[in-house]
Amino acid sequence: MRRPATQLLGGLLALFWAAAAMAADLPRGQRLHDKQCVSCHAERYGGDGSGIYLRPDRLIHDRPGLEQRVAVCNKMTRAGLSAADEKNVSAYLEQRFYKFMPSDRPITPGINP
């Protein structure tokens, strides 16, 4: 049974993530992803590169982890994305592939499904 405070926190987190996604420019995030990310991912994972997001052992389990990974990829590839564009790409990826759900338990990489 959930406690009212936990339910409230879960609801607030859901609103926060929804607001963040709405504030992001999803079409721009998709264009940047298609231009800056797909070729490397397709080279490594085959096909259209979406296998990196859909694989059962994926490394990303929450929005902060996704944002961190996009920032790391941006630096590693010297893509030159601004912080706002990193957010746009992250929001697009979350909406298209990850579909994170707020939870009342912390996500522990490698432990939580």
Protein backbone atom coordinates (compact mmCIF):
# COMPACT_ATOMS: atom_id res chain seq x y z
CA MET A 1 0.00 0.00 0.00
CA ARG A 2 1.36 3.38 -0.97
CA ARG A 3 1.52 6.22 1.47
CA PRO A 4 -0.12 9.53 0.46
CA ALA A 5 3.27 11.30 0.51
CA THR A 6 4.70 8.67 -1.85
CA GLN A 7 1.74 9.07 -4.19
CA LEU A 8 2.14 12.84 -4.12
CA LEU A 9 5.86 12.58 -4.84
CA GLY A 10 5.22 10.16 -7.72
CA GLY A 11 2.63 12.53 -9.16
CA LEU A 12 4.94 15.51 -8.87
CA LEU A 13 7.76 13.60 -10.55
CA ALA A 14 5.44 12.62 -13.38
CA LEU A 15 4.44 16.26 -13.86
CA PHE A 16 8.07 17.37 -13.74
CA TRP A 17 9.15 14.87 -16.42
CA ALA A 18 6.12 15.67 -18.57
CA ALA A 19 6.88 19.39 -18.30
CA ALA A 20 10.51 18.78 -19.20
CA ALA A 21 9.51 16.78 -22.27
CA MET A 22 6.98 19.42 -23.30
CA ALA A 23 9.59 22.17 -22.91
CA ALA A 24 11.96 20.28 -25.18
CA ASP A 25 11.76 20.62 -28.95
CA LEU A 26 11.06 16.99 -29.89
CA PRO A 27 11.20 17.51 -33.70
CA ARG A 28 14.57 19.23 -33.31
CA GLY A 29 15.72 16.42 -31.02
CA GLN A 30 14.76 13.86 -33.68
CA ARG A 31 16.55 15.78 -36.44
CA LEU A 32 19.69 16.10 -34.33
CA HIS A 33 19.52 12.43 -33.35
CA ASP A 34 19.11 11.35 -36.97
CA LYS A 35 21.99 13.57 -38.08
CA GLN A 36 24.44 13.12 -35.20
CA CYS A 37 23.72 9.70 -33.65
CA VAL A 38 22.21 7.20 -36.08
CA SER A 39 25.26 6.52 -38.24
CA CYS A 40 27.44 5.55 -35.25
CA HIS A 41 24.69 3.47 -33.65
CA ALA A 42 23.91 1.71 -36.94
CA GLU A 43 27.61 0.92 -37.40
CA ARG A 44 27.81 -0.58 -33.91
CA TYR A 45 24.38 -2.25 -33.65
CA GLY A 46 23.31 -2.73 -37.27
CA GLY A 47 20.07 -1.82 -38.98
CA ASP A 48 18.85 1.67 -38.21
CA GLY A 49 20.83 1.81 -34.95
CA SER A 50 17.76 1.60 -32.71
CA GLY A 51 19.08 -1.67 -31.29
CA ILE A 52 21.15 0.36 -28.84
CA TYR A 53 17.94 1.61 -27.23
CA LEU A 54 15.91 -1.58 -27.50
CA ARG A 55 18.42 -4.22 -26.39
CA PRO A 56 17.47 -6.17 -23.25
CA ASP A 57 20.73 -5.28 -21.47
CA ARG A 58 20.54 -1.56 -22.17
CA LEU A 59 22.49 0.67 -19.84
CA ILE A 60 19.97 3.49 -19.47
CA HIS A 61 17.24 3.07 -16.85
CA ASP A 62 16.08 6.61 -16.05
CA ARG A 63 15.95 10.13 -17.46
CA PRO A 64 19.02 11.46 -15.60
CA GLY A 65 21.01 8.49 -16.89
CA LEU A 66 19.80 9.17 -20.43
CA GLU A 67 20.71 12.85 -20.21
CA GLN A 68 24.14 11.96 -18.89
CA ARG A 69 24.69 9.42 -21.69
CA VAL A 70 23.67 11.92 -24.38
CA ALA A 71 26.11 14.45 -22.90
CA VAL A 72 28.91 11.85 -22.86
CA CYS A 73 28.22 10.84 -26.48
CA ASN A 74 28.16 14.51 -27.48
CA LYS A 75 31.61 15.01 -25.96
CA MET A 76 33.07 11.72 -27.23
CA THR A 77 31.97 12.33 -30.82
CA ARG A 78 32.55 16.10 -30.69
CA ALA A 79 29.07 16.58 -32.11
CA GLY A 80 28.95 20.14 -30.80
CA LEU A 81 25.43 20.00 -29.36
CA SER A 82 24.46 22.75 -26.94
CA ALA A 83 23.07 21.84 -23.52
CA ALA A 84 19.58 22.69 -24.84
CA ASP A 85 20.07 20.38 -27.82
CA GLU A 86 21.29 17.59 -25.54
CA LYS A 87 17.97 17.99 -23.68
CA ASN A 88 16.08 17.95 -27.00
CA VAL A 89 17.76 14.70 -28.04
CA SER A 90 17.21 13.17 -24.60
CA ALA A 91 13.52 14.12 -24.63
CA TYR A 92 13.10 12.68 -28.13
CA LEU A 93 14.79 9.41 -27.13
CA GLU A 94 12.68 9.13 -23.99
CA GLN A 95 9.47 9.74 -25.92
CA ARG A 96 10.41 7.44 -28.84
CA PHE A 97 12.22 4.55 -27.13
CA TYR A 98 12.50 4.65 -23.35
CA LYS A 99 9.10 5.80 -22.04
CA PHE A 100 10.30 6.09 -18.44
CA MET A 101 7.72 5.80 -15.71
CA PRO A 102 8.09 7.60 -12.38
CA SER A 103 8.62 5.21 -9.53
CA ASP A 104 8.51 5.33 -5.79
CA ARG A 105 11.74 3.33 -5.64
CA PRO A 106 15.17 4.41 -6.80
CA ILE A 107 16.51 2.91 -10.00
CA THR A 108 19.69 0.93 -9.51
CA PRO A 109 21.43 0.23 -12.84
CA GLY A 110 21.87 -3.46 -13.40
CA ILE A 111 19.39 -4.40 -10.69
CA ASN A 112 16.00 -2.90 -11.56
CA PRO A 113 14.32 -4.05 -14.78
